[in-house]
Amino acid sequence: MSSCCLLSKFWLLYLESDISMRVCIYDVVNSAELNDSELASYLADIYHESANHKYPRVSE
């Protein structure tokens, strides 16, 4: 599962582990101009091929 938070100029993406630790994802660049729903659509488009039974979708 990945999550994100908005800083003043850009979104930060994190991968959440089974032990509730977050690992920052640095290789995806997002604009702060995207709203929540636009960002969710953008991430779903990027990560849909990585989906599996354990992680079926990208979520906030």
C-alpha atoms as a PDB file:
ATOM      1  CA  MET A   1       0.000   0.000   0.000  1.00  0.00           C
ATOM      2  CA  SER A   2       1.271   3.450  -0.714  1.00  0.00           C
ATOM      3  CA  SER A   3       0.214   6.719   0.798  1.00  0.00           C
ATOM      4  CA  CYS A   4       0.977  10.354   0.188  1.00  0.00           C
ATOM      5  CA  CYS A   5       0.963  13.723   1.855  1.00  0.00           C
ATOM      6  CA  LEU A   6       1.040  17.218   0.397  1.00  0.00           C
ATOM      7  CA  LEU A   7       3.880  19.522   1.346  1.00  0.00           C
ATOM      8  CA  SER A   8       3.919  23.116   0.238  1.00  0.00           C
ATOM      9  CA  LYS A   9       5.246  22.440  -3.285  1.00  0.00           C
ATOM     10  CA  PHE A  10       4.896  18.715  -3.957  1.00  0.00           C
ATOM     11  CA  TRP A  11       3.352  15.421  -2.857  1.00  0.00           C
ATOM     12  CA  LEU A  12       5.459  12.885  -0.961  1.00  0.00           C
ATOM     13  CA  LEU A  13       4.751   9.233  -1.646  1.00  0.00           C
ATOM     14  CA  TYR A  14       5.375   6.462   0.850  1.00  0.00           C
ATOM     15  CA  LEU A  15       5.257   2.693   0.720  1.00  0.00           C
ATOM     16  CA  GLU A  16       3.768   1.305   3.922  1.00  0.00           C
ATOM     17  CA  SER A  17       5.229  -1.937   5.247  1.00  0.00           C
ATOM     18  CA  ASP A  18       3.603  -4.739   7.220  1.00  0.00           C
ATOM     19  CA  ILE A  19       5.203  -3.332  10.386  1.00  0.00           C
ATOM     20  CA  SER A  20       3.715   0.154   9.886  1.00  0.00           C
ATOM     21  CA  MET A  21       6.965   1.785   8.822  1.00  0.00           C
ATOM     22  CA  ARG A  22       6.886   4.106   5.828  1.00  0.00           C
ATOM     23  CA  VAL A  23       9.550   4.180   3.120  1.00  0.00           C
ATOM     24  CA  CYS A  24       9.681   7.293   0.955  1.00  0.00           C
ATOM     25  CA  ILE A  25       9.366   6.724  -2.805  1.00  0.00           C
ATOM     26  CA  TYR A  26      11.755   9.076  -4.607  1.00  0.00           C
ATOM     27  CA  ASP A  27      11.410   7.898  -8.213  1.00  0.00           C
ATOM     28  CA  VAL A  28       7.883   9.269  -8.799  1.00  0.00           C
ATOM     29  CA  VAL A  29       7.495  13.005  -9.389  1.00  0.00           C
ATOM     30  CA  ASN A  30       4.118  14.629  -8.721  1.00  0.00           C
ATOM     31  CA  SER A  31       2.881  18.165  -8.992  1.00  0.00           C
ATOM     32  CA  ALA A  32       1.286  19.946  -6.046  1.00  0.00           C
ATOM     33  CA  GLU A  33      -1.210  21.305  -8.588  1.00  0.00           C
ATOM     34  CA  LEU A  34      -2.972  17.920  -8.641  1.00  0.00           C
ATOM     35  CA  ASN A  35      -5.889  17.640  -6.265  1.00  0.00           C
ATOM     36  CA  ASP A  36      -6.559  14.452  -4.268  1.00  0.00           C
ATOM     37  CA  SER A  37      -8.695  12.730  -6.894  1.00  0.00           C
ATOM     38  CA  GLU A  38      -6.362  13.669  -9.762  1.00  0.00           C
ATOM     39  CA  LEU A  39      -3.395  12.326  -7.813  1.00  0.00           C
ATOM     40  CA  ALA A  40      -5.249   9.074  -7.059  1.00  0.00           C
ATOM     41  CA  SER A  41      -6.030   8.618 -10.783  1.00  0.00           C
ATOM     42  CA  TYR A  42      -2.431   9.419 -11.758  1.00  0.00           C
ATOM     43  CA  LEU A  43      -0.998   6.918  -9.258  1.00  0.00           C
ATOM     44  CA  ALA A  44      -3.515   4.224 -10.217  1.00  0.00           C
ATOM     45  CA  ASP A  45      -2.440   4.673 -13.843  1.00  0.00           C
ATOM     46  CA  ILE A  46       1.260   4.356 -12.937  1.00  0.00           C
ATOM     47  CA  TYR A  47       0.931   1.420 -10.566  1.00  0.00           C
ATOM     48  CA  HIS A  48      -1.909  -0.677 -12.031  1.00  0.00           C
ATOM     49  CA  GLU A  49       0.537  -3.200 -13.519  1.00  0.00           C
ATOM     50  CA  SER A  50       2.168  -3.679 -10.102  1.00  0.00           C
ATOM     51  CA  ALA A  51      -1.096  -4.707  -8.435  1.00  0.00           C
ATOM     52  CA  ASN A  52      -1.300  -8.154  -6.872  1.00  0.00           C
ATOM     53  CA  HIS A  53      -3.507 -10.047  -4.410  1.00  0.00           C
ATOM     54  CA  LYS A  54      -1.842  -8.422  -1.390  1.00  0.00           C
ATOM     55  CA  TYR A  55      -1.905  -4.888  -2.875  1.00  0.00           C
ATOM     56  CA  PRO A  56      -4.830  -4.744  -5.327  1.00  0.00           C
ATOM     57  CA  ARG A  57      -4.875  -0.944  -5.697  1.00  0.00           C
ATOM     58  CA  VAL A  58      -3.211   2.341  -4.795  1.00  0.00           C
ATOM     59  CA  SER A  59      -4.820   4.122  -1.865  1.00  0.00           C
ATOM     60  CA  GLU A  60      -4.418   7.317   0.074  1.00  0.00           C
END
